[in-house]
Amino acid sequence: MTEVIILLILIVINGLFSMAEISLVSARKARLEAQALKG
């Protein structure tokens, strides 16, 4: 049973990383630079 819970947690974490990667790739470079200047 614990294996199933661990597997589900890893799948959720993988999904979060995938969403973060997609948002970074699709973000405009100018917007990222503006946010970097703001801190």
PDB file of N, CA and C in Angstrom:
ATOM      1  N   MET A   1       0.825  -1.208   0.000  1.00  0.00           N
ATOM      2  CA  MET A   1       0.000   0.000   0.000  1.00  0.00           C
ATOM      3  C   MET A   1       0.862   1.261   0.000  1.00  0.00           C
ATOM      4  N   THR A   2       1.953   1.234   0.751  1.00  0.00           N
ATOM      5  CA  THR A   2       2.818   2.411   0.787  1.00  0.00           C
ATOM      6  C   THR A   2       3.469   2.664  -0.573  1.00  0.00           C
ATOM      7  N   GLU A   3       3.720   1.593  -1.335  1.00  0.00           N
ATOM      8  CA  GLU A   3       4.304   1.773  -2.665  1.00  0.00           C
ATOM      9  C   GLU A   3       3.369   2.569  -3.559  1.00  0.00           C
ATOM     10  N   VAL A   4       2.069   2.299  -3.445  1.00  0.00           N
ATOM     11  CA  VAL A   4       1.082   3.013  -4.261  1.00  0.00           C
ATOM     12  C   VAL A   4       1.057   4.486  -3.883  1.00  0.00           C
ATOM     13  N   ILE A   5       1.119   4.778  -2.591  1.00  0.00           N
ATOM     14  CA  ILE A   5       1.102   6.170  -2.132  1.00  0.00           C
ATOM     15  C   ILE A   5       2.349   6.899  -2.615  1.00  0.00           C
ATOM     16  N   ILE A   6       3.500   6.255  -2.497  1.00  0.00           N
ATOM     17  CA  ILE A   6       4.748   6.867  -2.957  1.00  0.00           C
ATOM     18  C   ILE A   6       4.689   7.116  -4.454  1.00  0.00           C
ATOM     19  N   LEU A   7       4.154   6.160  -5.204  1.00  0.00           N
ATOM     20  CA  LEU A   7       4.038   6.314  -6.652  1.00  0.00           C
ATOM     21  C   LEU A   7       3.141   7.493  -7.006  1.00  0.00           C
ATOM     22  N   LEU A   8       2.024   7.633  -6.322  1.00  0.00           N
ATOM     23  CA  LEU A   8       1.118   8.752  -6.586  1.00  0.00           C
ATOM     24  C   LEU A   8       1.781  10.090  -6.265  1.00  0.00           C
ATOM     25  N   ILE A   9       2.525  10.137  -5.166  1.00  0.00           N
ATOM     26  CA  ILE A   9       3.225  11.370  -4.797  1.00  0.00           C
ATOM     27  C   ILE A   9       4.253  11.735  -5.860  1.00  0.00           C
ATOM     28  N   LEU A  10       4.993  10.748  -6.351  1.00  0.00           N
ATOM     29  CA  LEU A  10       5.996  11.012  -7.378  1.00  0.00           C
ATOM     30  C   LEU A  10       5.348  11.485  -8.674  1.00  0.00           C
ATOM     31  N   ILE A  11       4.197  10.928  -9.016  1.00  0.00           N
ATOM     32  CA  ILE A  11       3.491  11.357 -10.228  1.00  0.00           C
ATOM     33  C   ILE A  11       3.044  12.810 -10.097  1.00  0.00           C
ATOM     34  N   VAL A  12       2.545  13.178  -8.922  1.00  0.00           N
ATOM     35  CA  VAL A  12       2.118  14.565  -8.699  1.00  0.00           C
ATOM     36  C   VAL A  12       3.310  15.511  -8.786  1.00  0.00           C
ATOM     37  N   ILE A  13       4.426  15.138  -8.174  1.00  0.00           N
ATOM     38  CA  ILE A  13       5.625  15.979  -8.227  1.00  0.00           C
ATOM     39  C   ILE A  13       6.105  16.124  -9.667  1.00  0.00           C
ATOM     40  N   ASN A  14       6.065  15.026 -10.424  1.00  0.00           N
ATOM     41  CA  ASN A  14       6.465  15.075 -11.826  1.00  0.00           C
ATOM     42  C   ASN A  14       5.562  16.021 -12.606  1.00  0.00           C
ATOM     43  N   GLY A  15       4.276  15.997 -12.318  1.00  0.00           N
ATOM     44  CA  GLY A  15       3.349  16.903 -12.987  1.00  0.00           C
ATOM     45  C   GLY A  15       3.656  18.356 -12.672  1.00  0.00           C
ATOM     46  N   LEU A  16       4.003  18.643 -11.423  1.00  0.00           N
ATOM     47  CA  LEU A  16       4.339  20.020 -11.043  1.00  0.00           C
ATOM     48  C   LEU A  16       5.588  20.504 -11.777  1.00  0.00           C
ATOM     49  N   PHE A  17       6.603  19.631 -11.859  1.00  0.00           N
ATOM     50  CA  PHE A  17       7.807  20.010 -12.581  1.00  0.00           C
ATOM     51  C   PHE A  17       7.522  20.217 -14.061  1.00  0.00           C
ATOM     52  N   SER A  18       6.654  19.390 -14.630  1.00  0.00           N
ATOM     53  CA  SER A  18       6.303  19.546 -16.040  1.00  0.00           C
ATOM     54  C   SER A  18       5.595  20.871 -16.280  1.00  0.00           C
ATOM     55  N   MET A  19       4.677  21.234 -15.394  1.00  0.00           N
ATOM     56  CA  MET A  19       3.980  22.515 -15.544  1.00  0.00           C
ATOM     57  C   MET A  19       4.962  23.678 -15.436  1.00  0.00           C
ATOM     58  N   ALA A  20       5.899  23.584 -14.517  1.00  0.00           N
ATOM     59  CA  ALA A  20       6.887  24.650 -14.360  1.00  0.00           C
ATOM     60  C   ALA A  20       7.753  24.771 -15.609  1.00  0.00           C
ATOM     61  N   GLU A  21       8.143  23.631 -16.170  1.00  0.00           N
ATOM     62  CA  GLU A  21       8.972  23.652 -17.371  1.00  0.00           C
ATOM     63  C   GLU A  21       8.216  24.267 -18.544  1.00  0.00           C
ATOM     64  N   ILE A  22       6.966  23.878 -18.718  1.00  0.00           N
ATOM     65  CA  ILE A  22       6.174  24.411 -19.826  1.00  0.00           C
ATOM     66  C   ILE A  22       5.982  25.915 -19.666  1.00  0.00           C
ATOM     67  N   SER A  23       5.736  26.364 -18.449  1.00  0.00           N
ATOM     68  CA  SER A  23       5.527  27.800 -18.240  1.00  0.00           C
ATOM     69  C   SER A  23       6.808  28.583 -18.504  1.00  0.00           C
ATOM     70  N   LEU A  24       7.955  28.020 -18.156  1.00  0.00           N
ATOM     71  CA  LEU A  24       9.215  28.714 -18.419  1.00  0.00           C
ATOM     72  C   LEU A  24       9.519  28.760 -19.907  1.00  0.00           C
ATOM     73  N   VAL A  25       9.254  27.673 -20.611  1.00  0.00           N
ATOM     74  CA  VAL A  25       9.548  27.626 -22.044  1.00  0.00           C
ATOM     75  C   VAL A  25       8.622  28.561 -22.810  1.00  0.00           C
ATOM     76  N   SER A  26       7.363  28.620 -22.396  1.00  0.00           N
ATOM     77  CA  SER A  26       6.397  29.423 -23.144  1.00  0.00           C
ATOM     78  C   SER A  26       6.418  30.893 -22.752  1.00  0.00           C
ATOM     79  N   ALA A  27       7.096  31.217 -21.667  1.00  0.00           N
ATOM     80  CA  ALA A  27       7.134  32.617 -21.228  1.00  0.00           C
ATOM     81  C   ALA A  27       7.990  33.435 -22.195  1.00  0.00           C
ATOM     82  N   ARG A  28       7.588  34.660 -22.380  1.00  0.00           N
ATOM     83  CA  ARG A  28       8.355  35.536 -23.265  1.00  0.00           C
ATOM     84  C   ARG A  28       9.650  35.968 -22.588  1.00  0.00           C
ATOM     85  N   LYS A  29      10.698  36.065 -23.419  1.00  0.00           N
ATOM     86  CA  LYS A  29      11.998  36.439 -22.880  1.00  0.00           C
ATOM     87  C   LYS A  29      11.962  37.844 -22.287  1.00  0.00           C
ATOM     88  N   ALA A  30      11.269  38.760 -22.934  1.00  0.00           N
ATOM     89  CA  ALA A  30      11.209  40.139 -22.439  1.00  0.00           C
ATOM     90  C   ALA A  30      10.528  40.191 -21.078  1.00  0.00           C
ATOM     91  N   ARG A  31       9.466  39.404 -20.914  1.00  0.00           N
ATOM     92  CA  ARG A  31       8.766  39.412 -19.631  1.00  0.00           C
ATOM     93  C   ARG A  31       9.658  38.832 -18.539  1.00  0.00           C
ATOM     94  N   LEU A  32      10.399  37.789 -18.876  1.00  0.00           N
ATOM     95  CA  LEU A  32      11.309  37.209 -17.886  1.00  0.00           C
ATOM     96  C   LEU A  32      12.393  38.212 -17.496  1.00  0.00           C
ATOM     97  N   GLU A  33      12.915  38.942 -18.477  1.00  0.00           N
ATOM     98  CA  GLU A  33      13.942  39.932 -18.161  1.00  0.00           C
ATOM     99  C   GLU A  33      13.369  41.047 -17.287  1.00  0.00           C
ATOM    100  N   ALA A  34      12.144  41.471 -17.560  1.00  0.00           N
ATOM    101  CA  ALA A  34      11.523  42.519 -16.752  1.00  0.00           C
ATOM    102  C   ALA A  34      11.323  42.041 -15.320  1.00  0.00           C
ATOM    103  N   GLN A  35      10.899  40.804 -15.165  1.00  0.00           N
ATOM    104  CA  GLN A  35      10.711  40.271 -13.818  1.00  0.00           C
ATOM    105  C   GLN A  35      12.046  40.110 -13.109  1.00  0.00           C
ATOM    106  N   ALA A  36      13.089  39.759 -13.861  1.00  0.00           N
ATOM    107  CA  ALA A  36      14.406  39.613 -13.247  1.00  0.00           C
ATOM    108  C   ALA A  36      14.923  40.964 -12.750  1.00  0.00           C
ATOM    109  N   LEU A  37      14.645  42.020 -13.503  1.00  0.00           N
ATOM    110  CA  LEU A  37      15.080  43.349 -13.071  1.00  0.00           C
ATOM    111  C   LEU A  37      14.320  43.802 -11.833  1.00  0.00           C
ATOM    112  N   LYS A  38      13.052  43.434 -11.739  1.00  0.00           N
ATOM    113  CA  LYS A  38      12.261  43.797 -10.563  1.00  0.00           C
ATOM    114  C   LYS A  38      12.723  43.034  -9.322  1.00  0.00           C
ATOM    115  N   GLY A  39      13.274  41.858  -9.546  1.00  0.00           N
ATOM    116  CA  GLY A  39      13.712  41.042  -8.422  1.00  0.00           C
ATOM    117  C   GLY A  39      12.665  40.035  -8.129  1.00  0.00           C
TER     118      GLY A  39
END
